[in-house]
């Protein structure tokens, strides 16, 4: 699942605390992490 919505509802809908994530799609799009690092 790729949560591409800034509201992050798909993330929290799977029981993940969206505000505690170091690597998200945001970091991925800006080249600050690899896709492997972004996947939970």
ModelCIF file with pLDDT and N, C-alpha, C, O atoms, coordinates in Angstrom:
data_MODEL
#
_entry.id   MODEL 
#
_entity.id                         1 
_entity.type                       polymer 
_entity.pdbx_number_of_molecules   1 
#
_entity_poly.entity_id                      1 
_entity_poly.type                           'polypeptide(L)' 
_entity_poly.nstd_linkage                   no 
_entity_poly.nstd_monomer                   no 
_entity_poly.pdbx_seq_one_letter_code       
;(UNK)(UNK)(UNK)(UNK)(UNK)(UNK)(UNK)(UNK)(UNK)(UNK)(UNK)(UNK)(UNK)(UNK)(UNK)(UNK)
(UNK)(UNK)(UNK)(UNK)(UNK)(UNK)(UNK)(UNK)(UNK)(UNK)(UNK)(UNK)(UNK)(UNK)(UNK)(UNK)
(UNK)(UNK)(UNK)(UNK)(UNK)(UNK)(UNK)(UNK)
;
_entity_poly.pdbx_seq_one_letter_code_can   XXXXXXXXXXXXXXXXXXXXXXXXXXXXXXXXXXXXXXXX 
_entity_poly.pdbx_strand_id                 A 
#
loop_
_entity_poly_seq.entity_id 
_entity_poly_seq.num 
_entity_poly_seq.mon_id 
_entity_poly_seq.hetero 
1 1  UNK n 
1 2  UNK n 
1 3  UNK n 
1 4  UNK n 
1 5  UNK n 
1 6  UNK n 
1 7  UNK n 
1 8  UNK n 
1 9  UNK n 
1 10 UNK n 
1 11 UNK n 
1 12 UNK n 
1 13 UNK n 
1 14 UNK n 
1 15 UNK n 
1 16 UNK n 
1 17 UNK n 
1 18 UNK n 
1 19 UNK n 
1 20 UNK n 
1 21 UNK n 
1 22 UNK n 
1 23 UNK n 
1 24 UNK n 
1 25 UNK n 
1 26 UNK n 
1 27 UNK n 
1 28 UNK n 
1 29 UNK n 
1 30 UNK n 
1 31 UNK n 
1 32 UNK n 
1 33 UNK n 
1 34 UNK n 
1 35 UNK n 
1 36 UNK n 
1 37 UNK n 
1 38 UNK n 
1 39 UNK n 
1 40 UNK n 
#
_struct_asym.id          A 
_struct_asym.entity_id   1 
#
loop_
_ma_qa_metric.id 
_ma_qa_metric.mode 
_ma_qa_metric.name 
_ma_qa_metric.software_group_id 
_ma_qa_metric.type 
1 global pLDDT . pLDDT 
2 local  pLDDT . pLDDT 
#
_ma_qa_metric_global.metric_id      1 
_ma_qa_metric_global.metric_value   95.42 
_ma_qa_metric_global.model_id       1 
_ma_qa_metric_global.ordinal_id     1 
#
loop_
_ma_qa_metric_local.label_asym_id 
_ma_qa_metric_local.label_comp_id 
_ma_qa_metric_local.label_seq_id 
_ma_qa_metric_local.metric_id 
_ma_qa_metric_local.metric_value 
_ma_qa_metric_local.model_id 
_ma_qa_metric_local.ordinal_id 
A UNK 1  2 98.00 1 1  
A UNK 2  2 98.00 1 2  
A UNK 3  2 97.00 1 3  
A UNK 4  2 96.00 1 4  
A UNK 5  2 95.00 1 5  
A UNK 6  2 94.00 1 6  
A UNK 7  2 94.00 1 7  
A UNK 8  2 95.00 1 8  
A UNK 9  2 95.00 1 9  
A UNK 10 2 97.00 1 10 
A UNK 11 2 97.00 1 11 
A UNK 12 2 96.00 1 12 
A UNK 13 2 96.00 1 13 
A UNK 14 2 97.00 1 14 
A UNK 15 2 95.00 1 15 
A UNK 16 2 96.00 1 16 
A UNK 17 2 95.00 1 17 
A UNK 18 2 94.00 1 18 
A UNK 19 2 93.00 1 19 
A UNK 20 2 94.00 1 20 
A UNK 21 2 94.00 1 21 
A UNK 22 2 93.00 1 22 
A UNK 23 2 96.00 1 23 
A UNK 24 2 96.00 1 24 
A UNK 25 2 97.00 1 25 
A UNK 26 2 95.00 1 26 
A UNK 27 2 95.00 1 27 
A UNK 28 2 96.00 1 28 
A UNK 29 2 95.00 1 29 
A UNK 30 2 93.00 1 30 
A UNK 31 2 93.00 1 31 
A UNK 32 2 94.00 1 32 
A UNK 33 2 95.00 1 33 
A UNK 34 2 95.00 1 34 
A UNK 35 2 96.00 1 35 
A UNK 36 2 96.00 1 36 
A UNK 37 2 96.00 1 37 
A UNK 38 2 97.00 1 38 
A UNK 39 2 97.00 1 39 
A UNK 40 2 96.00 1 40 
#
loop_
_atom_site.group_PDB 
_atom_site.id 
_atom_site.type_symbol 
_atom_site.label_atom_id 
_atom_site.label_alt_id 
_atom_site.label_comp_id 
_atom_site.label_asym_id 
_atom_site.label_entity_id 
_atom_site.label_seq_id 
_atom_site.pdbx_PDB_ins_code 
_atom_site.Cartn_x 
_atom_site.Cartn_y 
_atom_site.Cartn_z 
_atom_site.occupancy 
_atom_site.B_iso_or_equiv 
_atom_site.pdbx_formal_charge 
_atom_site.auth_seq_id 
_atom_site.auth_comp_id 
_atom_site.auth_asym_id 
_atom_site.auth_atom_id 
_atom_site.pdbx_PDB_model_num 
ATOM 1   N N  . UNK A 1 1  ? 0.867  -1.186 0.000  1.00 98.00 ? 1  UNK A N  1 
ATOM 2   C CA . UNK A 1 1  ? 0.000  0.000  0.000  1.00 98.00 ? 1  UNK A CA 1 
ATOM 3   C C  . UNK A 1 1  ? 0.898  1.229  0.000  1.00 98.00 ? 1  UNK A C  1 
ATOM 4   O O  . UNK A 1 1  ? 1.848  1.310  0.780  1.00 98.00 ? 1  UNK A O  1 
ATOM 5   N N  . UNK A 1 2  ? 0.598  2.184  -0.876 1.00 98.00 ? 2  UNK A N  1 
ATOM 6   C CA . UNK A 1 2  ? 1.346  3.443  -0.909 1.00 98.00 ? 2  UNK A CA 1 
ATOM 7   C C  . UNK A 1 2  ? 0.374  4.546  -0.499 1.00 98.00 ? 2  UNK A C  1 
ATOM 8   O O  . UNK A 1 2  ? -0.564 4.861  -1.232 1.00 98.00 ? 2  UNK A O  1 
ATOM 9   N N  . UNK A 1 3  ? 0.604  5.129  0.670  1.00 97.00 ? 3  UNK A N  1 
ATOM 10  C CA . UNK A 1 3  ? -0.256 6.211  1.147  1.00 97.00 ? 3  UNK A CA 1 
ATOM 11  C C  . UNK A 1 3  ? 0.272  7.521  0.565  1.00 97.00 ? 3  UNK A C  1 
ATOM 12  O O  . UNK A 1 3  ? 1.290  8.051  1.010  1.00 97.00 ? 3  UNK A O  1 
ATOM 13  N N  . UNK A 1 4  ? -0.443 8.027  -0.438 1.00 96.00 ? 4  UNK A N  1 
ATOM 14  C CA . UNK A 1 4  ? 0.015  9.239  -1.115 1.00 96.00 ? 4  UNK A CA 1 
ATOM 15  C C  . UNK A 1 4  ? -0.858 10.441 -0.756 1.00 96.00 ? 4  UNK A C  1 
ATOM 16  O O  . UNK A 1 4  ? -0.932 11.412 -1.509 1.00 96.00 ? 4  UNK A O  1 
ATOM 17  N N  . UNK A 1 5  ? -1.516 10.366 0.399  1.00 95.00 ? 5  UNK A N  1 
ATOM 18  C CA . UNK A 1 5  ? -2.417 11.427 0.859  1.00 95.00 ? 5  UNK A CA 1 
ATOM 19  C C  . UNK A 1 5  ? -1.810 12.059 2.118  1.00 95.00 ? 5  UNK A C  1 
ATOM 20  O O  . UNK A 1 5  ? -1.534 11.355 3.090  1.00 95.00 ? 5  UNK A O  1 
ATOM 21  N N  . UNK A 1 6  ? -1.599 13.394 2.108  1.00 94.00 ? 6  UNK A N  1 
ATOM 22  C CA . UNK A 1 6  ? -1.008 14.056 3.286  1.00 94.00 ? 6  UNK A CA 1 
ATOM 23  C C  . UNK A 1 6  ? -1.799 13.832 4.582  1.00 94.00 ? 6  UNK A C  1 
ATOM 24  O O  . UNK A 1 6  ? -1.253 13.981 5.675  1.00 94.00 ? 6  UNK A O  1 
ATOM 25  N N  . UNK A 1 7  ? -3.075 13.478 4.462  1.00 94.00 ? 7  UNK A N  1 
ATOM 26  C CA . UNK A 1 7  ? -3.859 13.208 5.674  1.00 94.00 ? 7  UNK A CA 1 
ATOM 27  C C  . UNK A 1 7  ? -3.393 11.928 6.372  1.00 94.00 ? 7  UNK A C  1 
ATOM 28  O O  . UNK A 1 7  ? -3.608 11.751 7.571  1.00 94.00 ? 7  UNK A O  1 
ATOM 29  N N  . UNK A 1 8  ? -2.757 11.042 5.611  1.00 95.00 ? 8  UNK A N  1 
ATOM 30  C CA . UNK A 1 8  ? -2.189 9.821  6.191  1.00 95.00 ? 8  UNK A CA 1 
ATOM 31  C C  . UNK A 1 8  ? -3.212 8.866  6.786  1.00 95.00 ? 8  UNK A C  1 
ATOM 32  O O  . UNK A 1 8  ? -2.887 8.091  7.686  1.00 95.00 ? 8  UNK A O  1 
ATOM 33  N N  . UNK A 1 9  ? -4.454 8.915  6.289  1.00 95.00 ? 9  UNK A N  1 
ATOM 34  C CA . UNK A 1 9  ? -5.500 8.071  6.878  1.00 95.00 ? 9  UNK A CA 1 
ATOM 35  C C  . UNK A 1 9  ? -5.320 6.583  6.575  1.00 95.00 ? 9  UNK A C  1 
ATOM 36  O O  . UNK A 1 9  ? -5.704 5.732  7.377  1.00 95.00 ? 9  UNK A O  1 
ATOM 37  N N  . UNK A 1 10 ? -4.737 6.274  5.422  1.00 97.00 ? 10 UNK A N  1 
ATOM 38  C CA . UNK A 1 10 ? -4.482 4.861  5.115  1.00 97.00 ? 10 UNK A CA 1 
ATOM 39  C C  . UNK A 1 10 ? -3.418 4.306  6.070  1.00 97.00 ? 10 UNK A C  1 
ATOM 40  O O  . UNK A 1 10 ? -3.476 3.146  6.478  1.00 97.00 ? 10 UNK A O  1 
ATOM 41  N N  . UNK A 1 11 ? -2.448 5.159  6.416  1.00 97.00 ? 11 UNK A N  1 
ATOM 42  C CA . UNK A 1 11 ? -1.399 4.753  7.355  1.00 97.00 ? 11 UNK A CA 1 
ATOM 43  C C  . UNK A 1 11 ? -1.999 4.439  8.727  1.00 97.00 ? 11 UNK A C  1 
ATOM 44  O O  . UNK A 1 11 ? -1.760 3.367  9.283  1.00 97.00 ? 11 UNK A O  1 
ATOM 45  N N  . UNK A 1 12 ? -2.781 5.381  9.270  1.00 96.00 ? 12 UNK A N  1 
ATOM 46  C CA . UNK A 1 12 ? -3.375 5.147  10.592 1.00 96.00 ? 12 UNK A CA 1 
ATOM 47  C C  . UNK A 1 12 ? -4.452 4.068  10.538 1.00 96.00 ? 12 UNK A C  1 
ATOM 48  O O  . UNK A 1 12 ? -4.735 3.417  11.544 1.00 96.00 ? 12 UNK A O  1 
ATOM 49  N N  . UNK A 1 13 ? -5.056 3.880  9.356  1.00 96.00 ? 13 UNK A N  1 
ATOM 50  C CA . UNK A 1 13 ? -6.062 2.818  9.189  1.00 96.00 ? 13 UNK A CA 1 
ATOM 51  C C  . UNK A 1 13 ? -5.486 1.421  9.341  1.00 96.00 ? 13 UNK A C  1 
ATOM 52  O O  . UNK A 1 13 ? -6.223 0.459  9.558  1.00 96.00 ? 13 UNK A O  1 
ATOM 53  N N  . UNK A 1 14 ? -4.151 1.307  9.225  1.00 97.00 ? 14 UNK A N  1 
ATOM 54  C CA . UNK A 1 14 ? -3.474 0.029  9.465  1.00 97.00 ? 14 UNK A CA 1 
ATOM 55  C C  . UNK A 1 14 ? -2.813 -0.002 10.848 1.00 97.00 ? 14 UNK A C  1 
ATOM 56  O O  . UNK A 1 14 ? -1.978 -0.861 11.129 1.00 97.00 ? 14 UNK A O  1 
ATOM 57  N N  . UNK A 1 15 ? -3.200 0.948  11.703 1.00 95.00 ? 15 UNK A N  1 
ATOM 58  C CA . UNK A 1 15 ? -2.708 0.942  13.081 1.00 95.00 ? 15 UNK A CA 1 
ATOM 59  C C  . UNK A 1 15 ? -1.300 1.476  13.248 1.00 95.00 ? 15 UNK A C  1 
ATOM 60  O O  . UNK A 1 15 ? -0.638 1.185  14.244 1.00 95.00 ? 15 UNK A O  1 
ATOM 61  N N  . UNK A 1 16 ? -0.832 2.263  12.275 1.00 96.00 ? 16 UNK A N  1 
ATOM 62  C CA . UNK A 1 16 ? 0.529  2.810  12.337 1.00 96.00 ? 16 UNK A CA 1 
ATOM 63  C C  . UNK A 1 16 ? 0.461  4.270  12.787 1.00 96.00 ? 16 UNK A C  1 
ATOM 64  O O  . UNK A 1 16 ? -0.338 5.048  12.266 1.00 96.00 ? 16 UNK A O  1 
ATOM 65  N N  . UNK A 1 17 ? 1.295  4.634  13.747 1.00 95.00 ? 17 UNK A N  1 
ATOM 66  C CA . UNK A 1 17 ? 1.355  6.026  14.198 1.00 95.00 ? 17 UNK A CA 1 
ATOM 67  C C  . UNK A 1 17 ? 2.103  6.846  13.146 1.00 95.00 ? 17 UNK A C  1 
ATOM 68  O O  . UNK A 1 17 ? 3.329  6.791  13.048 1.00 95.00 ? 17 UNK A O  1 
ATOM 69  N N  . UNK A 1 18 ? 1.337  7.605  12.367 1.00 94.00 ? 18 UNK A N  1 
ATOM 70  C CA . UNK A 1 18 ? 1.937  8.296  11.208 1.00 94.00 ? 18 UNK A CA 1 
ATOM 71  C C  . UNK A 1 18 ? 2.949  9.369  11.610 1.00 94.00 ? 18 UNK A C  1 
ATOM 72  O O  . UNK A 1 18 ? 3.864  9.674  10.845 1.00 94.00 ? 18 UNK A O  1 
ATOM 73  N N  . UNK A 1 19 ? 2.791  9.943  12.807 1.00 93.00 ? 19 UNK A N  1 
ATOM 74  C CA . UNK A 1 19 ? 3.680  11.034 13.226 1.00 93.00 ? 19 UNK A CA 1 
ATOM 75  C C  . UNK A 1 19 ? 5.015  10.538 13.775 1.00 93.00 ? 19 UNK A C  1 
ATOM 76  O O  . UNK A 1 19 ? 5.925  11.334 14.008 1.00 93.00 ? 19 UNK A O  1 
ATOM 77  N N  . UNK A 1 20 ? 5.135  9.251  13.977 1.00 94.00 ? 20 UNK A N  1 
ATOM 78  C CA . UNK A 1 20 ? 6.384  8.711  14.522 1.00 94.00 ? 20 UNK A CA 1 
ATOM 79  C C  . UNK A 1 20 ? 7.295  8.131  13.435 1.00 94.00 ? 20 UNK A C  1 
ATOM 80  O O  . UNK A 1 20 ? 8.371  7.613  13.733 1.00 94.00 ? 20 UNK A O  1 
ATOM 81  N N  . UNK A 1 21 ? 6.862  8.219  12.187 1.00 94.00 ? 21 UNK A N  1 
ATOM 82  C CA . UNK A 1 21 ? 7.630  7.582  11.103 1.00 94.00 ? 21 UNK A CA 1 
ATOM 83  C C  . UNK A 1 21 ? 8.766  8.478  10.617 1.00 94.00 ? 21 UNK A C  1 
ATOM 84  O O  . UNK A 1 21 ? 8.566  9.641  10.264 1.00 94.00 ? 21 UNK A O  1 
ATOM 85  N N  . UNK A 1 22 ? 9.953  7.902  10.612 1.00 93.00 ? 22 UNK A N  1 
ATOM 86  C CA . UNK A 1 22 ? 11.128 8.655  10.165 1.00 93.00 ? 22 UNK A CA 1 
ATOM 87  C C  . UNK A 1 22 ? 11.166 8.757  8.646  1.00 93.00 ? 22 UNK A C  1 
ATOM 88  O O  . UNK A 1 22 ? 11.462 9.815  8.091  1.00 93.00 ? 22 UNK A O  1 
ATOM 89  N N  . UNK A 1 23 ? 10.864 7.642  7.979  1.00 96.00 ? 23 UNK A N  1 
ATOM 90  C CA . UNK A 1 23 ? 10.880 7.610  6.514  1.00 96.00 ? 23 UNK A CA 1 
ATOM 91  C C  . UNK A 1 23 ? 9.465  7.364  5.987  1.00 96.00 ? 23 UNK A C  1 
ATOM 92  O O  . UNK A 1 23 ? 8.850  6.333  6.262  1.00 96.00 ? 23 UNK A O  1 
ATOM 93  N N  . UNK A 1 24 ? 8.973  8.332  5.229  1.00 96.00 ? 24 UNK A N  1 
ATOM 94  C CA . UNK A 1 24 ? 7.627  8.238  4.646  1.00 96.00 ? 24 UNK A CA 1 
ATOM 95  C C  . UNK A 1 24 ? 7.729  8.511  3.149  1.00 96.00 ? 24 UNK A C  1 
ATOM 96  O O  . UNK A 1 24 ? 8.824  8.656  2.606  1.00 96.00 ? 24 UNK A O  1 
ATOM 97  N N  . UNK A 1 25 ? 6.584  8.579  2.497  1.00 97.00 ? 25 UNK A N  1 
ATOM 98  C CA . UNK A 1 25 ? 6.580  8.891  1.060  1.00 97.00 ? 25 UNK A CA 1 
ATOM 99  C C  . UNK A 1 25 ? 7.146  10.290 0.794  1.00 97.00 ? 25 UNK A C  1 
ATOM 100 O O  . UNK A 1 25 ? 7.667  10.556 -0.289 1.00 97.00 ? 25 UNK A O  1 
ATOM 101 N N  . UNK A 1 26 ? 7.043  11.172 1.777  1.00 95.00 ? 26 UNK A N  1 
ATOM 102 C CA . UNK A 1 26 ? 7.595  12.530 1.650  1.00 95.00 ? 26 UNK A CA 1 
ATOM 103 C C  . UNK A 1 26 ? 9.117  12.472 1.469  1.00 95.00 ? 26 UNK A C  1 
ATOM 104 O O  . UNK A 1 26 ? 9.666  13.065 0.541  1.00 95.00 ? 26 UNK A O  1 
ATOM 105 N N  . UNK A 1 27 ? 9.786  11.747 2.374  1.00 95.00 ? 27 UNK A N  1 
ATOM 106 C CA . UNK A 1 27 ? 11.251 11.600 2.274  1.00 95.00 ? 27 UNK A CA 1 
ATOM 107 C C  . UNK A 1 27 ? 11.636 10.883 0.974  1.00 95.00 ? 27 UNK A C  1 
ATOM 108 O O  . UNK A 1 27 ? 12.653 11.193 0.354  1.00 95.00 ? 27 UNK A O  1 
ATOM 109 N N  . UNK A 1 28 ? 10.803 9.923  0.581  1.00 96.00 ? 28 UNK A N  1 
ATOM 110 C CA . UNK A 1 28 ? 11.067 9.166  -0.652 1.00 96.00 ? 28 UNK A CA 1 
ATOM 111 C C  . UNK A 1 28 ? 11.023 10.079 -1.877 1.00 96.00 ? 28 UNK A C  1 
ATOM 112 O O  . UNK A 1 28 ? 11.922 10.035 -2.717 1.00 96.00 ? 28 UNK A O  1 
ATOM 113 N N  . UNK A 1 29 ? 9.986  10.903 -1.980 1.00 95.00 ? 29 UNK A N  1 
ATOM 114 C CA . UNK A 1 29 ? 9.828  11.800 -3.134 1.00 95.00 ? 29 UNK A CA 1 
ATOM 115 C C  . UNK A 1 29 ? 10.938 12.846 -3.201 1.00 95.00 ? 29 UNK A C  1 
ATOM 116 O O  . UNK A 1 29 ? 11.319 13.291 -4.284 1.00 95.00 ? 29 UNK A O  1 
ATOM 117 N N  . UNK A 1 30 ? 11.454 13.233 -2.033 1.00 93.00 ? 30 UNK A N  1 
ATOM 118 C CA . UNK A 1 30 ? 12.509 14.260 -2.015 1.00 93.00 ? 30 UNK A CA 1 
ATOM 119 C C  . UNK A 1 30 ? 13.914 13.654 -2.067 1.00 93.00 ? 30 UNK A C  1 
ATOM 120 O O  . UNK A 1 30 ? 14.913 14.368 -1.984 1.00 93.00 ? 30 UNK A O  1 
ATOM 121 N N  . UNK A 1 31 ? 13.974 12.313 -2.207 1.00 93.00 ? 31 UNK A N  1 
ATOM 122 C CA . UNK A 1 31 ? 15.269 11.637 -2.336 1.00 93.00 ? 31 UNK A CA 1 
ATOM 123 C C  . UNK A 1 31 ? 16.048 11.560 -1.041 1.00 93.00 ? 31 UNK A C  1 
ATOM 124 O O  . UNK A 1 31 ? 17.268 11.397 -1.059 1.00 93.00 ? 31 UNK A O  1 
ATOM 125 N N  . UNK A 1 32 ? 15.351 11.677 0.097  1.00 94.00 ? 32 UNK A N  1 
ATOM 126 C CA . UNK A 1 32 ? 16.034 11.642 1.396  1.00 94.00 ? 32 UNK A CA 1 
ATOM 127 C C  . UNK A 1 32 ? 16.110 10.230 1.988  1.00 94.00 ? 32 UNK A C  1 
ATOM 128 O O  . UNK A 1 32 ? 16.764 10.014 3.008  1.00 94.00 ? 32 UNK A O  1 
ATOM 129 N N  . UNK A 1 33 ? 15.437 9.269  1.339  1.00 95.00 ? 33 UNK A N  1 
ATOM 130 C CA . UNK A 1 33 ? 15.565 7.864  1.762  1.00 95.00 ? 33 UNK A CA 1 
ATOM 131 C C  . UNK A 1 33 ? 15.317 6.981  0.540  1.00 95.00 ? 33 UNK A C  1 
ATOM 132 O O  . UNK A 1 33 ? 14.760 7.431  -0.462 1.00 95.00 ? 33 UNK A O  1 
ATOM 133 N N  . UNK A 1 34 ? 15.733 5.728  0.636  1.00 95.00 ? 34 UNK A N  1 
ATOM 134 C CA . UNK A 1 34 ? 15.480 4.789  -0.465 1.00 95.00 ? 34 UNK A CA 1 
ATOM 135 C C  . UNK A 1 34 ? 14.085 4.193  -0.297 1.00 95.00 ? 34 UNK A C  1 
ATOM 136 O O  . UNK A 1 34 ? 13.484 4.298  0.772  1.00 95.00 ? 34 UNK A O  1 
ATOM 137 N N  . UNK A 1 35 ? 13.579 3.575  -1.347 1.00 96.00 ? 35 UNK A N  1 
ATOM 138 C CA . UNK A 1 35 ? 12.251 2.973  -1.254 1.00 96.00 ? 35 UNK A CA 1 
ATOM 139 C C  . UNK A 1 35 ? 12.238 1.822  -0.238 1.00 96.00 ? 35 UNK A C  1 
ATOM 140 O O  . UNK A 1 35 ? 11.236 1.602  0.442  1.00 96.00 ? 35 UNK A O  1 
ATOM 141 N N  . UNK A 1 36 ? 13.344 1.099  -0.140 1.00 96.00 ? 36 UNK A N  1 
ATOM 142 C CA . UNK A 1 36 ? 13.430 0.012  0.846  1.00 96.00 ? 36 UNK A CA 1 
ATOM 143 C C  . UNK A 1 36 ? 13.322 0.559  2.273  1.00 96.00 ? 36 UNK A C  1 
ATOM 144 O O  . UNK A 1 36 ? 12.710 -0.063 3.141  1.00 96.00 ? 36 UNK A O  1 
ATOM 145 N N  . UNK A 1 37 ? 13.921 1.724  2.500  1.00 96.00 ? 37 UNK A N  1 
ATOM 146 C CA . UNK A 1 37 ? 13.872 2.349  3.836  1.00 96.00 ? 37 UNK A CA 1 
ATOM 147 C C  . UNK A 1 37 ? 12.474 2.878  4.161  1.00 96.00 ? 37 UNK A C  1 
ATOM 148 O O  . UNK A 1 37 ? 12.099 2.981  5.329  1.00 96.00 ? 37 UNK A O  1 
ATOM 149 N N  . UNK A 1 38 ? 11.707 3.213  3.117  1.00 97.00 ? 38 UNK A N  1 
ATOM 150 C CA . UNK A 1 38 ? 10.375 3.796  3.332  1.00 97.00 ? 38 UNK A CA 1 
ATOM 151 C C  . UNK A 1 38 ? 9.296  2.739  3.610  1.00 97.00 ? 38 UNK A C  1 
ATOM 152 O O  . UNK A 1 38 ? 8.246  3.048  4.175  1.00 97.00 ? 38 UNK A O  1 
ATOM 153 N N  . UNK A 1 39 ? 9.567  1.494  3.209  1.00 97.00 ? 39 UNK A N  1 
ATOM 154 C CA . UNK A 1 39 ? 8.537  0.444  3.353  1.00 97.00 ? 39 UNK A CA 1 
ATOM 155 C C  . UNK A 1 39 ? 8.515  -0.116 4.772  1.00 97.00 ? 39 UNK A C  1 
ATOM 156 O O  . UNK A 1 39 ? 9.546  -0.518 5.311  1.00 97.00 ? 39 UNK A O  1 
ATOM 157 N N  . UNK A 1 40 ? 7.322  -0.136 5.366  1.00 96.00 ? 40 UNK A N  1 
ATOM 158 C CA . UNK A 1 40 ? 7.122  -0.864 6.627  1.00 96.00 ? 40 UNK A CA 1 
ATOM 159 C C  . UNK A 1 40 ? 6.629  -2.248 6.227  1.00 96.00 ? 40 UNK A C  1 
ATOM 160 O O  . UNK A 1 40 ? 6.375  -3.087 7.092  1.00 96.00 ? 40 UNK A O  1 
#
